[in-house]
Amino acid sequence: MGAFVISRRFNDEYKFVFTSRKGKVIFTSLSYELKFECEEDIEKFKVNIERANFLKFKGSGGKYFFKLMLGETHFATSRKYTTELLLQKGIKEIVLYASRAEILDFSSNDLIFEEEEVEGVEE
């Protein structure tokens, strides 16, 4: 199905990625100062997916990527792909699944798995 995953950058700003059904990152958003701006843009994108435009590029290293535009606004940038076919598959995944993808929030700094002490091991 794919998912939008919200997280924080090292500078404490928010971002989101869209991941494929297999968990691979397809694109990464721009930075947001506030989390609700991130959430609003995801919802706006899901509703307006038919207005999305994919500008395709081939980098100097021979890899392919796209810039995702929503209207005239640069919305996100894809990961690098080794072939144009894989790039097309990434775009197809967005078109088919983004409108009904769930949103996962991993932006808090709380540990998801508590660290436990192991007996006999000194730190």
PDB file of N, CA and C in Angstrom:
ATOM      1  N   MET A   1       0.825  -1.193   0.000  1.00  0.00           N
ATOM      2  CA  MET A   1       0.000   0.000   0.000  1.00  0.00           C
ATOM      3  C   MET A   1       0.860   1.244   0.000  1.00  0.00           C
ATOM      4  N   GLY A   2       1.977   1.277   0.686  1.00  0.00           N
ATOM      5  CA  GLY A   2       2.785   2.482   0.797  1.00  0.00           C
ATOM      6  C   GLY A   2       2.384   3.276   2.021  1.00  0.00           C
ATOM      7  N   ALA A   3       3.268   4.160   2.452  1.00  0.00           N
ATOM      8  CA  ALA A   3       2.993   4.965   3.638  1.00  0.00           C
ATOM      9  C   ALA A   3       3.782   6.264   3.590  1.00  0.00           C
ATOM     10  N   PHE A   4       3.220   7.277   4.215  1.00  0.00           N
ATOM     11  CA  PHE A   4       3.930   8.526   4.452  1.00  0.00           C
ATOM     12  C   PHE A   4       4.505   8.416   5.861  1.00  0.00           C
ATOM     13  N   VAL A   5       5.800   8.643   5.998  1.00  0.00           N
ATOM     14  CA  VAL A   5       6.461   8.514   7.298  1.00  0.00           C
ATOM     15  C   VAL A   5       7.053   9.870   7.682  1.00  0.00           C
ATOM     16  N   ILE A   6       6.550  10.427   8.773  1.00  0.00           N
ATOM     17  CA  ILE A   6       7.022  11.720   9.274  1.00  0.00           C
ATOM     18  C   ILE A   6       8.164  11.477  10.252  1.00  0.00           C
ATOM     19  N   SER A   7       9.232  12.245  10.095  1.00  0.00           N
ATOM     20  CA  SER A   7      10.367  12.158  11.018  1.00  0.00           C
ATOM     21  C   SER A   7      11.019  13.536  11.115  1.00  0.00           C
ATOM     22  N   ARG A   8      12.108  13.601  11.873  1.00  0.00           N
ATOM     23  CA  ARG A   8      12.833  14.863  12.030  1.00  0.00           C
ATOM     24  C   ARG A   8      14.196  14.770  11.371  1.00  0.00           C
ATOM     25  N   ARG A   9      14.620  15.892  10.846  1.00  0.00           N
ATOM     26  CA  ARG A   9      15.978  16.004  10.309  1.00  0.00           C
ATOM     27  C   ARG A   9      16.918  16.328  11.475  1.00  0.00           C
ATOM     28  N   PHE A  10      18.223  16.312  11.209  1.00  0.00           N
ATOM     29  CA  PHE A  10      19.205  16.606  12.254  1.00  0.00           C
ATOM     30  C   PHE A  10      19.064  18.030  12.789  1.00  0.00           C
ATOM     31  N   ASN A  11      18.535  18.947  11.970  1.00  0.00           N
ATOM     32  CA  ASN A  11      18.365  20.340  12.409  1.00  0.00           C
ATOM     33  C   ASN A  11      17.029  20.550  13.131  1.00  0.00           C
ATOM     34  N   ASP A  12      16.335  19.468  13.450  1.00  0.00           N
ATOM     35  CA  ASP A  12      15.069  19.464  14.197  1.00  0.00           C
ATOM     36  C   ASP A  12      13.857  19.885  13.375  1.00  0.00           C
ATOM     37  N   GLU A  13      14.032  20.118  12.074  1.00  0.00           N
ATOM     38  CA  GLU A  13      12.873  20.385  11.229  1.00  0.00           C
ATOM     39  C   GLU A  13      12.227  19.053  10.858  1.00  0.00           C
ATOM     40  N   TYR A  14      10.985  19.117  10.414  1.00  0.00           N
ATOM     41  CA  TYR A  14      10.245  17.914  10.061  1.00  0.00           C
ATOM     42  C   TYR A  14      10.356  17.639   8.563  1.00  0.00           C
ATOM     43  N   LYS A  15      10.192  16.387   8.213  1.00  0.00           N
ATOM     44  CA  LYS A  15      10.136  15.958   6.817  1.00  0.00           C
ATOM     45  C   LYS A  15       9.256  14.727   6.764  1.00  0.00           C
ATOM     46  N   PHE A  16       8.880  14.329   5.562  1.00  0.00           N
ATOM     47  CA  PHE A  16       8.235  13.040   5.410  1.00  0.00           C
ATOM     48  C   PHE A  16       8.775  12.364   4.169  1.00  0.00           C
ATOM     49  N   VAL A  17       8.692  11.064   4.176  1.00  0.00           N
ATOM     50  CA  VAL A  17       9.047  10.276   3.003  1.00  0.00           C
ATOM     51  C   VAL A  17       7.820   9.465   2.617  1.00  0.00           C
ATOM     52  N   PHE A  18       7.737   9.128   1.342  1.00  0.00           N
ATOM     53  CA  PHE A  18       6.723   8.182   0.898  1.00  0.00           C
ATOM     54  C   PHE A  18       7.454   6.894   0.594  1.00  0.00           C
ATOM     55  N   THR A  19       7.009   5.815   1.232  1.00  0.00           N
ATOM     56  CA  THR A  19       7.658   4.520   1.037  1.00  0.00           C
ATOM     57  C   THR A  19       6.760   3.595   0.227  1.00  0.00           C
ATOM     58  N   SER A  20       7.391   2.712  -0.507  1.00  0.00           N
ATOM     59  CA  SER A  20       6.667   1.739  -1.316  1.00  0.00           C
ATOM     60  C   SER A  20       6.066   0.649  -0.443  1.00  0.00           C
ATOM     61  N   ARG A  21       5.332  -0.241  -1.069  1.00  0.00           N
ATOM     62  CA  ARG A  21       4.755  -1.386  -0.351  1.00  0.00           C
ATOM     63  C   ARG A  21       5.845  -2.244   0.260  1.00  0.00           C
ATOM     64  N   LYS A  22       7.040  -2.223  -0.335  1.00  0.00           N
ATOM     65  CA  LYS A  22       8.152  -3.026   0.175  1.00  0.00           C
ATOM     66  C   LYS A  22       9.020  -2.264   1.170  1.00  0.00           C
ATOM     67  N   GLY A  23       8.635  -1.024   1.487  1.00  0.00           N
ATOM     68  CA  GLY A  23       9.359  -0.253   2.478  1.00  0.00           C
ATOM     69  C   GLY A  23      10.491   0.605   1.952  1.00  0.00           C
ATOM     70  N   LYS A  24      10.673   0.680   0.634  1.00  0.00           N
ATOM     71  CA  LYS A  24      11.732   1.517   0.056  1.00  0.00           C
ATOM     72  C   LYS A  24      11.254   2.957  -0.064  1.00  0.00           C
ATOM     73  N   VAL A  25      12.130   3.898   0.241  1.00  0.00           N
ATOM     74  CA  VAL A  25      11.794   5.306   0.098  1.00  0.00           C
ATOM     75  C   VAL A  25      11.686   5.643  -1.389  1.00  0.00           C
ATOM     76  N   ILE A  26      10.577   6.277  -1.769  1.00  0.00           N
ATOM     77  CA  ILE A  26      10.384   6.709  -3.150  1.00  0.00           C
ATOM     78  C   ILE A  26      10.704   8.187  -3.281  1.00  0.00           C
ATOM     79  N   PHE A  27      10.191   9.011  -2.354  1.00  0.00           N
ATOM     80  CA  PHE A  27      10.560  10.420  -2.367  1.00  0.00           C
ATOM     81  C   PHE A  27      10.624  10.978  -0.957  1.00  0.00           C
ATOM     82  N   THR A  28      11.339  12.102  -0.848  1.00  0.00           N
ATOM     83  CA  THR A  28      11.503  12.807   0.416  1.00  0.00           C
ATOM     84  C   THR A  28      11.014  14.239   0.236  1.00  0.00           C
ATOM     85  N   SER A  29      10.254  14.711   1.203  1.00  0.00           N
ATOM     86  CA  SER A  29       9.707  16.072   1.139  1.00  0.00           C
ATOM     87  C   SER A  29      10.772  17.115   1.418  1.00  0.00           C
ATOM     88  N   LEU A  30      10.379  18.355   1.269  1.00  0.00           N
ATOM     89  CA  LEU A  30      11.189  19.471   1.714  1.00  0.00           C
ATOM     90  C   LEU A  30      11.091  19.539   3.238  1.00  0.00           C
ATOM     91  N   SER A  31      11.755  20.490   3.849  1.00  0.00           N
ATOM     92  CA  SER A  31      11.732  20.635   5.316  1.00  0.00           C
ATOM     93  C   SER A  31      10.555  21.496   5.763  1.00  0.00           C
ATOM     94  N   TYR A  32      10.074  21.210   6.969  1.00  0.00           N
ATOM     95  CA  TYR A  32       8.980  21.953   7.585  1.00  0.00           C
ATOM     96  C   TYR A  32       9.389  22.340   8.994  1.00  0.00           C
ATOM     97  N   GLU A  33       9.068  23.558   9.380  1.00  0.00           N
ATOM     98  CA  GLU A  33       9.395  24.010  10.728  1.00  0.00           C
ATOM     99  C   GLU A  33       8.465  23.365  11.758  1.00  0.00           C
ATOM    100  N   LEU A  34       7.182  23.195  11.383  1.00  0.00           N
ATOM    101  CA  LEU A  34       6.183  22.657  12.301  1.00  0.00           C
ATOM    102  C   LEU A  34       5.590  21.360  11.761  1.00  0.00           C
ATOM    103  N   LYS A  35       5.305  20.447  12.668  1.00  0.00           N
ATOM    104  CA  LYS A  35       4.791  19.141  12.251  1.00  0.00           C
ATOM    105  C   LYS A  35       3.435  19.241  11.570  1.00  0.00           C
ATOM    106  N   PHE A  36       2.555  20.124  12.035  1.00  0.00           N
ATOM    107  CA  PHE A  36       1.235  20.205  11.423  1.00  0.00           C
ATOM    108  C   PHE A  36       1.313  20.660   9.964  1.00  0.00           C
ATOM    109  N   GLU A  37       2.355  21.438   9.603  1.00  0.00           N
ATOM    110  CA  GLU A  37       2.533  21.831   8.200  1.00  0.00           C
ATOM    111  C   GLU A  37       2.844  20.604   7.342  1.00  0.00           C
ATOM    112  N   CYS A  38       3.617  19.730   7.888  1.00  0.00           N
ATOM    113  CA  CYS A  38       3.962  18.463   7.237  1.00  0.00           C
ATOM    114  C   CYS A  38       2.688  17.636   7.009  1.00  0.00           C
ATOM    115  N   GLU A  39       1.894  17.496   8.062  1.00  0.00           N
ATOM    116  CA  GLU A  39       0.653  16.718   7.987  1.00  0.00           C
ATOM    117  C   GLU A  39      -0.328  17.334   6.990  1.00  0.00           C
ATOM    118  N   GLU A  40      -0.431  18.661   6.992  1.00  0.00           N
ATOM    119  CA  GLU A  40      -1.330  19.340   6.052  1.00  0.00           C
ATOM    120  C   GLU A  40      -0.915  19.108   4.607  1.00  0.00           C
ATOM    121  N   ASP A  41       0.399  19.183   4.340  1.00  0.00           N
ATOM    122  CA  ASP A  41       0.872  18.976   2.969  1.00  0.00           C
ATOM    123  C   ASP A  41       0.650  17.537   2.501  1.00  0.00           C
ATOM    124  N   ILE A  42       0.791  16.581   3.397  1.00  0.00           N
ATOM    125  CA  ILE A  42       0.509  15.187   3.030  1.00  0.00           C
ATOM    126  C   ILE A  42      -0.954  15.054   2.622  1.00  0.00           C
ATOM    127  N   GLU A  43      -1.847  15.599   3.438  1.00  0.00           N
ATOM    128  CA  GLU A  43      -3.281  15.511   3.126  1.00  0.00           C
ATOM    129  C   GLU A  43      -3.614  16.242   1.822  1.00  0.00           C
ATOM    130  N   LYS A  44      -3.004  17.405   1.634  1.00  0.00           N
ATOM    131  CA  LYS A  44      -3.226  18.169   0.402  1.00  0.00           C
ATOM    132  C   LYS A  44      -2.765  17.354  -0.818  1.00  0.00           C
ATOM    133  N   PHE A  45      -1.620  16.697  -0.684  1.00  0.00           N
ATOM    134  CA  PHE A  45      -1.099  15.879  -1.774  1.00  0.00           C
ATOM    135  C   PHE A  45      -2.024  14.694  -2.065  1.00  0.00           C
ATOM    136  N   LYS A  46      -2.478  14.028  -1.016  1.00  0.00           N
ATOM    137  CA  LYS A  46      -3.349  12.859  -1.194  1.00  0.00           C
ATOM    138  C   LYS A  46      -4.628  13.231  -1.944  1.00  0.00           C
ATOM    139  N   VAL A  47      -5.168  14.407  -1.674  1.00  0.00           N
ATOM    140  CA  VAL A  47      -6.412  14.857  -2.310  1.00  0.00           C
ATOM    141  C   VAL A  47      -6.167  15.343  -3.744  1.00  0.00           C
ATOM    142  N   ASN A  48      -4.976  15.885  -3.991  1.00  0.00           N
ATOM    143  CA  ASN A  48      -4.676  16.494  -5.296  1.00  0.00           C
ATOM    144  C   ASN A  48      -3.661  15.706  -6.116  1.00  0.00           C
ATOM    145  N   ILE A  49      -3.580  14.406  -5.906  1.00  0.00           N
ATOM    146  CA  ILE A  49      -2.586  13.581  -6.594  1.00  0.00           C
ATOM    147  C   ILE A  49      -2.684  13.713  -8.118  1.00  0.00           C
ATOM    148  N   GLU A  50      -3.887  13.932  -8.633  1.00  0.00           N
ATOM    149  CA  GLU A  50      -4.047  14.035 -10.095  1.00  0.00           C
ATOM    150  C   GLU A  50      -3.396  15.304 -10.648  1.00  0.00           C
ATOM    151  N   ARG A  51      -3.103  16.271  -9.800  1.00  0.00           N
ATOM    152  CA  ARG A  51      -2.427  17.506 -10.224  1.00  0.00           C
ATOM    153  C   ARG A  51      -0.910  17.393 -10.138  1.00  0.00           C
ATOM    154  N   ALA A  52      -0.418  16.281  -9.649  1.00  0.00           N
ATOM    155  CA  ALA A  52       1.026  16.102  -9.488  1.00  0.00           C
ATOM    156  C   ALA A  52       1.710  15.999 -10.846  1.00  0.00           C
ATOM    157  N   ASN A  53       2.876  16.595 -10.918  1.00  0.00           N
ATOM    158  CA  ASN A  53       3.675  16.553 -12.131  1.00  0.00           C
ATOM    159  C   ASN A  53       5.059  16.030 -11.751  1.00  0.00           C
ATOM    160  N   PHE A  54       5.590  15.130 -12.542  1.00  0.00           N
ATOM    161  CA  PHE A  54       6.874  14.509 -12.251  1.00  0.00           C
ATOM    162  C   PHE A  54       7.892  14.983 -13.284  1.00  0.00           C
ATOM    163  N   LEU A  55       8.834  15.818 -12.841  1.00  0.00           N
ATOM    164  CA  LEU A  55       9.892  16.306 -13.721  1.00  0.00           C
ATOM    165  C   LEU A  55      11.060  15.342 -13.610  1.00  0.00           C
ATOM    166  N   LYS A  56      11.383  14.659 -14.716  1.00  0.00           N
ATOM    167  CA  LYS A  56      12.410  13.611 -14.686  1.00  0.00           C
ATOM    168  C   LYS A  56      13.764  14.172 -15.098  1.00  0.00           C
ATOM    169  N   PHE A  57      14.805  13.686 -14.408  1.00  0.00           N
ATOM    170  CA  PHE A  57      16.171  14.139 -14.660  1.00  0.00           C
ATOM    171  C   PHE A  57      17.113  12.940 -14.673  1.00  0.00           C
ATOM    172  N   LYS A  58      18.251  13.141 -15.338  1.00  0.00           N
ATOM    173  CA  LYS A  58      19.342  12.173 -15.269  1.00  0.00           C
ATOM    174  C   LYS A  58      20.546  12.923 -14.733  1.00  0.00           C
ATOM    175  N   GLY A  59      21.035  12.496 -13.584  1.00  0.00           N
ATOM    176  CA  GLY A  59      22.151  13.172 -12.930  1.00  0.00           C
ATOM    177  C   GLY A  59      23.471  12.912 -13.627  1.00  0.00           C
ATOM    178  N   SER A  60      24.494  13.649 -13.233  1.00  0.00           N
ATOM    179  CA  SER A  60      25.815  13.513 -13.852  1.00  0.00           C
ATOM    180  C   SER A  60      26.425  12.127 -13.614  1.00  0.00           C
ATOM    181  N   GLY A  61      26.000  11.453 -12.557  1.00  0.00           N
ATOM    182  CA  GLY A  61      26.493  10.103 -12.286  1.00  0.00           C
ATOM    183  C   GLY A  61      25.726   9.023 -13.035  1.00  0.00           C
ATOM    184  N   GLY A  62      24.771   9.428 -13.879  1.00  0.00           N
ATOM    185  CA  GLY A  62      24.017   8.471 -14.676  1.00  0.00           C
ATOM    186  C   GLY A  62      22.765   7.937 -13.995  1.00  0.00           C
ATOM    187  N   LYS A  63      22.478   8.398 -12.783  1.00  0.00           N
ATOM    188  CA  LYS A  63      21.278   7.937 -12.070  1.00  0.00           C
ATOM    189  C   LYS A  63      20.092   8.830 -12.411  1.00  0.00           C
ATOM    190  N   TYR A  64      18.907   8.248 -12.315  1.00  0.00           N
ATOM    191  CA  TYR A  64      17.667   8.954 -12.631  1.00  0.00           C
ATOM    192  C   TYR A  64      16.949   9.366 -11.348  1.00  0.00           C
ATOM    193  N   PHE A  65      16.271  10.519 -11.392  1.00  0.00           N
ATOM    194  CA  PHE A  65      15.455  10.959 -10.274  1.00  0.00           C
ATOM    195  C   PHE A  65      14.385  11.892 -10.810  1.00  0.00           C
ATOM    196  N   PHE A  66      13.403  12.193  -9.970  1.00  0.00           N
ATOM    197  CA  PHE A  66      12.385  13.154 -10.373  1.00  0.00           C
ATOM    198  C   PHE A  66      12.124  14.150  -9.259  1.00  0.00           C
ATOM    199  N   LYS A  67      11.665  15.325  -9.682  1.00  0.00           N
ATOM    200  CA  LYS A  67      11.171  16.324  -8.743  1.00  0.00           C
ATOM    201  C   LYS A  67       9.660  16.270  -8.848  1.00  0.00           C
ATOM    202  N   LEU A  68       9.022  16.141  -7.719  1.00  0.00           N
ATOM    203  CA  LEU A  68       7.568  16.065  -7.659  1.00  0.00           C
ATOM    204  C   LEU A  68       7.030  17.472  -7.463  1.00  0.00           C
ATOM    205  N   MET A  69       6.224  17.894  -8.412  1.00  0.00           N
ATOM    206  CA  MET A  69       5.643  19.232  -8.386  1.00  0.00           C
ATOM    207  C   MET A  69       4.147  19.102  -8.136  1.00  0.00           C
ATOM    208  N   LEU A  70       3.626  19.973  -7.299  1.00  0.00           N
ATOM    209  CA  LEU A  70       2.181  20.051  -7.083  1.00  0.00           C
ATOM    210  C   LEU A  70       1.786  21.443  -7.551  1.00  0.00           C
ATOM    211  N   GLY A  71       1.207  21.499  -8.738  1.00  0.00           N
ATOM    212  CA  GLY A  71       1.000  22.782  -9.390  1.00  0.00           C
ATOM    213  C   GLY A  71       2.353  23.328  -9.786  1.00  0.00           C
ATOM    214  N   GLU A  72       2.659  24.535  -9.365  1.00  0.00           N
ATOM    215  CA  GLU A  72       3.954  25.158  -9.658  1.00  0.00           C
ATOM    216  C   GLU A  72       4.953  25.006  -8.511  1.00  0.00           C
ATOM    217  N   THR A  73       4.547  24.313  -7.461  1.00  0.00           N
ATOM    218  CA  THR A  73       5.352  24.218  -6.242  1.00  0.00           C
ATOM    219  C   THR A  73       6.160  22.925  -6.203  1.00  0.00           C
ATOM    220  N   HIS A  74       7.474  23.058  -5.935  1.00  0.00           N
ATOM    221  CA  HIS A  74       8.325  21.883  -5.737  1.00  0.00           C
ATOM    222  C   HIS A  74       7.924  21.255  -4.409  1.00  0.00           C
ATOM    223  N   PHE A  75       7.474  20.023  -4.452  1.00  0.00           N
ATOM    224  CA  PHE A  75       6.898  19.346  -3.304  1.00  0.00           C
ATOM    225  C   PHE A  75       7.879  18.362  -2.662  1.00  0.00           C
ATOM    226  N   ALA A  76       8.605  17.616  -3.501  1.00  0.00           N
ATOM    227  CA  ALA A  76       9.506  16.582  -2.997  1.00  0.00           C
ATOM    228  C   ALA A  76      10.484  16.174  -4.091  1.00  0.00           C
ATOM    229  N   THR A  77      11.516  15.427  -3.701  1.00  0.00           N
ATOM    230  CA  THR A  77      12.503  14.906  -4.640  1.00  0.00           C
ATOM    231  C   THR A  77      12.641  13.411  -4.413  1.00  0.00           C
ATOM    232  N   SER A  78      12.718  12.670  -5.498  1.00  0.00           N
ATOM    233  CA  SER A  78      12.794  11.207  -5.391  1.00  0.00           C
ATOM    234  C   SER A  78      14.195  10.748  -5.000  1.00  0.00           C
ATOM    235  N   ARG A  79      14.271   9.489  -4.666  1.00  0.00           N
ATOM    236  CA  ARG A  79      15.573   8.868  -4.471  1.00  0.00           C
ATOM    237  C   ARG A  79      16.201   8.679  -5.847  1.00  0.00           C
ATOM    238  N   LYS A  80      17.427   8.226  -5.910  1.00  0.00           N
ATOM    239  CA  LYS A  80      18.108   7.988  -7.182  1.00  0.00           C
ATOM    240  C   LYS A  80      17.803   6.563  -7.657  1.00  0.00           C
ATOM    241  N   TYR A  81      17.553   6.425  -8.958  1.00  0.00           N
ATOM    242  CA  TYR A  81      17.254   5.126  -9.576  1.00  0.00           C
ATOM    243  C   TYR A  81      18.338   4.787 -10.589  1.00  0.00           C
ATOM    244  N   THR A  82      18.635   3.513 -10.708  1.00  0.00           N
ATOM    245  CA  THR A  82      19.678   3.096 -11.648  1.00  0.00           C
ATOM    246  C   THR A  82      19.188   3.058 -13.094  1.00  0.00           C
ATOM    247  N   THR A  83      17.885   2.858 -13.297  1.00  0.00           N
ATOM    248  CA  THR A  83      17.348   2.812 -14.662  1.00  0.00           C
ATOM    249  C   THR A  83      16.091   3.662 -14.767  1.00  0.00           C
ATOM    250  N   GLU A  84      15.763   4.049 -15.989  1.00  0.00           N
ATOM    251  CA  GLU A  84      14.556   4.824 -16.224  1.00  0.00           C
ATOM    252  C   GLU A  84      13.311   3.991 -15.933  1.00  0.00           C
ATOM    253  N   LEU A  85      13.378   2.675 -16.163  1.00  0.00           N
ATOM    254  CA  LEU A  85      12.249   1.787 -15.866  1.00  0.00           C
ATOM    255  C   LEU A  85      11.931   1.784 -14.367  1.00  0.00           C
ATOM    256  N   LEU A  86      12.959   1.716 -13.526  1.00  0.00           N
ATOM    257  CA  LEU A  86      12.739   1.748 -12.079  1.00  0.00           C
ATOM    258  C   LEU A  86      12.157   3.100 -11.647  1.00  0.00           C
ATOM    259  N   LEU A  87      12.591   4.168 -12.294  1.00  0.00           N
ATOM    260  CA  LEU A  87      12.023   5.487 -12.023  1.00  0.00           C
ATOM    261  C   LEU A  87      10.532   5.487 -12.332  1.00  0.00           C
ATOM    262  N   GLN A  88      10.146   4.928 -13.470  1.00  0.00           N
ATOM    263  CA  GLN A  88       8.735   4.857 -13.858  1.00  0.00           C
ATOM    264  C   GLN A  88       7.930   4.016 -12.862  1.00  0.00           C
ATOM    265  N   LYS A  89       8.532   2.940 -12.377  1.00  0.00           N
ATOM    266  CA  LYS A  89       7.849   2.105 -11.378  1.00  0.00           C
ATOM    267  C   LYS A  89       7.602   2.888 -10.089  1.00  0.00           C
ATOM    268  N   GLY A  90       8.574   3.723  -9.685  1.00  0.00           N
ATOM    269  CA  GLY A  90       8.401   4.561  -8.498  1.00  0.00           C
ATOM    270  C   GLY A  90       7.244   5.533  -8.669  1.00  0.00           C
ATOM    271  N   ILE A  91       7.163   6.151  -9.843  1.00  0.00           N
ATOM    272  CA  ILE A  91       6.070   7.086 -10.127  1.00  0.00           C
ATOM    273  C   ILE A  91       4.733   6.352 -10.124  1.00  0.00           C
ATOM    274  N   LYS A  92       4.706   5.178 -10.718  1.00  0.00           N
ATOM    275  CA  LYS A  92       3.462   4.390 -10.767  1.00  0.00           C
ATOM    276  C   LYS A  92       2.986   4.041  -9.354  1.00  0.00           C
ATOM    277  N   GLU A  93       3.915   3.707  -8.486  1.00  0.00           N
ATOM    278  CA  GLU A  93       3.584   3.380  -7.084  1.00  0.00           C
ATOM    279  C   GLU A  93       2.905   4.576  -6.409  1.00  0.00           C
ATOM    280  N   ILE A  94       3.412   5.775  -6.664  1.00  0.00           N
ATOM    281  CA  ILE A  94       2.818   6.992  -6.090  1.00  0.00           C
ATOM    282  C   ILE A  94       1.401   7.178  -6.615  1.00  0.00           C
ATOM    283  N   VAL A  95       1.246   7.097  -7.918  1.00  0.00           N
ATOM    284  CA  VAL A  95      -0.056   7.336  -8.545  1.00  0.00           C
ATOM    285  C   VAL A  95      -1.094   6.324  -8.052  1.00  0.00           C
ATOM    286  N   LEU A  96      -0.690   5.075  -7.916  1.00  0.00           N
ATOM    287  CA  LEU A  96      -1.632   4.023  -7.515  1.00  0.00           C
ATOM    288  C   LEU A  96      -1.977   4.041  -6.028  1.00  0.00           C
ATOM    289  N   TYR A  97      -1.013   4.365  -5.161  1.00  0.00           N
ATOM    290  CA  TYR A  97      -1.207   4.116  -3.736  1.00  0.00           C
ATOM    291  C   TYR A  97      -1.158   5.337  -2.819  1.00  0.00           C
ATOM    292  N   ALA A  98      -0.617   6.458  -3.255  1.00  0.00           N
ATOM    293  CA  ALA A  98      -0.429   7.596  -2.341  1.00  0.00           C
ATOM    294  C   ALA A  98      -1.741   8.138  -1.790  1.00  0.00           C
ATOM    295  N   SER A  99      -2.788   8.150  -2.589  1.00  0.00           N
ATOM    296  CA  SER A  99      -4.046   8.761  -2.129  1.00  0.00           C
ATOM    297  C   SER A  99      -4.667   8.012  -0.955  1.00  0.00           C
ATOM    298  N   ARG A 100      -4.336   6.742  -0.787  1.00  0.00           N
ATOM    299  CA  ARG A 100      -4.917   5.987   0.335  1.00  0.00           C
ATOM    300  C   ARG A 100      -3.849   5.424   1.287  1.00  0.00           C
ATOM    301  N   ALA A 101      -2.658   5.978   1.200  1.00  0.00           N
ATOM    302  CA  ALA A 101      -1.567   5.534   2.072  1.00  0.00           C
ATOM    303  C   ALA A 101      -1.775   6.063   3.489  1.00  0.00           C
ATOM    304  N   GLU A 102      -1.343   5.284   4.458  1.00  0.00           N
ATOM    305  CA  GLU A 102      -1.450   5.717   5.847  1.00  0.00           C
ATOM    306  C   GLU A 102      -0.296   6.660   6.190  1.00  0.00           C
ATOM    307  N   ILE A 103      -0.468   7.389   7.284  1.00  0.00           N
ATOM    308  CA  ILE A 103       0.559   8.305   7.762  1.00  0.00           C
ATOM    309  C   ILE A 103       1.109   7.758   9.072  1.00  0.00           C
ATOM    310  N   LEU A 104       2.418   7.574   9.113  1.00  0.00           N
ATOM    311  CA  LEU A 104       3.092   7.087  10.314  1.00  0.00           C
ATOM    312  C   LEU A 104       3.962   8.213  10.853  1.00  0.00           C
ATOM    313  N   ASP A 105       3.884   8.458  12.158  1.00  0.00           N
ATOM    314  CA  ASP A 105       4.621   9.554  12.767  1.00  0.00           C
ATOM    315  C   ASP A 105       5.732   9.013  13.659  1.00  0.00           C
ATOM    316  N   PHE A 106       6.975   9.195  13.207  1.00  0.00           N
ATOM    317  CA  PHE A 106       8.142   8.805  14.000  1.00  0.00           C
ATOM    318  C   PHE A 106       8.963  10.030  14.367  1.00  0.00           C
ATOM    319  N   SER A 107       8.297  11.170  14.541  1.00  0.00           N
ATOM    320  CA  SER A 107       9.009  12.428  14.764  1.00  0.00           C
ATOM    321  C   SER A 107       9.366  12.696  16.221  1.00  0.00           C
ATOM    322  N   SER A 108       8.771  11.968  17.147  1.00  0.00           N
ATOM    323  CA  SER A 108       9.117  12.208  18.553  1.00  0.00           C
ATOM    324  C   SER A 108      10.478  11.595  18.835  1.00  0.00           C
ATOM    325  N   ASN A 109      11.136  12.119  19.820  1.00  0.00           N
ATOM    326  CA  ASN A 109      12.460  11.608  20.160  1.00  0.00           C
ATOM    327  C   ASN A 109      12.400  10.446  21.141  1.00  0.00           C
ATOM    328  N   ASP A 110      11.194  10.009  21.460  1.00  0.00           N
ATOM    329  CA  ASP A 110      11.050   8.900  22.397  1.00  0.00           C
ATOM    330  C   ASP A 110      11.591   7.618  21.771  1.00  0.00           C
ATOM    331  N   LEU A 111      12.199   6.803  22.585  1.00  0.00           N
ATOM    332  CA  LEU A 111      12.679   5.506  22.106  1.00  0.00           C
ATOM    333  C   LEU A 111      11.482   4.575  21.909  1.00  0.00           C
ATOM    334  N   ILE A 112      11.444   3.951  20.766  1.00  0.00           N
ATOM    335  CA  ILE A 112      10.353   3.017  20.502  1.00  0.00           C
ATOM    336  C   ILE A 112      10.584   1.731  21.284  1.00  0.00           C
ATOM    337  N   PHE A 113      11.826   1.284  21.307  1.00  0.00           N
ATOM    338  CA  PHE A 113      12.179   0.082  22.059  1.00  0.00           C
ATOM    339  C   PHE A 113      13.067   0.513  23.215  1.00  0.00           C
ATOM    340  N   GLU A 114      12.640   0.213  24.417  1.00  0.00           N
ATOM    341  CA  GLU A 114      13.419   0.578  25.591  1.00  0.00           C
ATOM    342  C   GLU A 114      14.743  -0.179  25.577  1.00  0.00           C
ATOM    343  N   GLU A 115      15.810   0.532  25.950  1.00  0.00           N
ATOM    344  CA  GLU A 115      17.091  -0.144  26.079  1.00  0.00           C
ATOM    345  C   GLU A 115      17.067  -0.917  27.381  1.00  0.00           C
ATOM    346  N   GLU A 116      17.526  -2.145  27.332  1.00  0.00           N
ATOM    347  CA  GLU A 116      17.564  -2.920  28.562  1.00  0.00           C
ATOM    348  C   GLU A 116      19.008  -3.251  28.901  1.00  0.00           C
ATOM    349  N   GLU A 117      19.260  -3.355  30.180  1.00  0.00           N
ATOM    350  CA  GLU A 117      20.591  -3.679  30.621  1.00  0.00           C
ATOM    351  C   GLU A 117      20.829  -5.169  30.447  1.00  0.00           C
ATOM    352  N   VAL A 118      22.002  -5.495  29.993  1.00  0.00           N
ATOM    353  CA  VAL A 118      22.379  -6.899  29.828  1.00  0.00           C
ATOM    354  C   VAL A 118      23.351  -7.242  30.950  1.00  0.00           C
ATOM    355  N   GLU A 119      23.020  -8.303  31.682  1.00  0.00           N
ATOM    356  CA  GLU A 119      23.850  -8.702  32.812  1.00  0.00           C
ATOM    357  C   GLU A 119      25.237  -9.116  32.331  1.00  0.00           C
ATOM    358  N   GLY A 120      26.257  -8.701  33.102  1.00  0.00           N
ATOM    359  CA  GLY A 120      27.617  -9.116  32.800  1.00  0.00           C
ATOM    360  C   GLY A 120      28.284  -8.257  31.729  1.00  0.00           C
ATOM    361  N   VAL A 121      27.602  -7.273  31.187  1.00  0.00           N
ATOM    362  CA  VAL A 121      28.192  -6.418  30.175  1.00  0.00           C
ATOM    363  C   VAL A 121      28.369  -5.029  30.753  1.00  0.00           C
ATOM    364  N   GLU A 122      29.593  -4.571  30.782  1.00  0.00           N
ATOM    365  CA  GLU A 122      29.875  -3.236  31.290  1.00  0.00           C
ATOM    366  C   GLU A 122      29.911  -2.257  30.135  1.00  0.00           C
ATOM    367  N   GLU A 123      29.394  -1.074  30.383  1.00  0.00           N
ATOM    368  CA  GLU A 123      29.410  -0.049  29.336  1.00  0.00           C
ATOM    369  C   GLU A 123      30.570   0.877  29.519  1.00  0.00           C
TER     370      GLU A 123
END
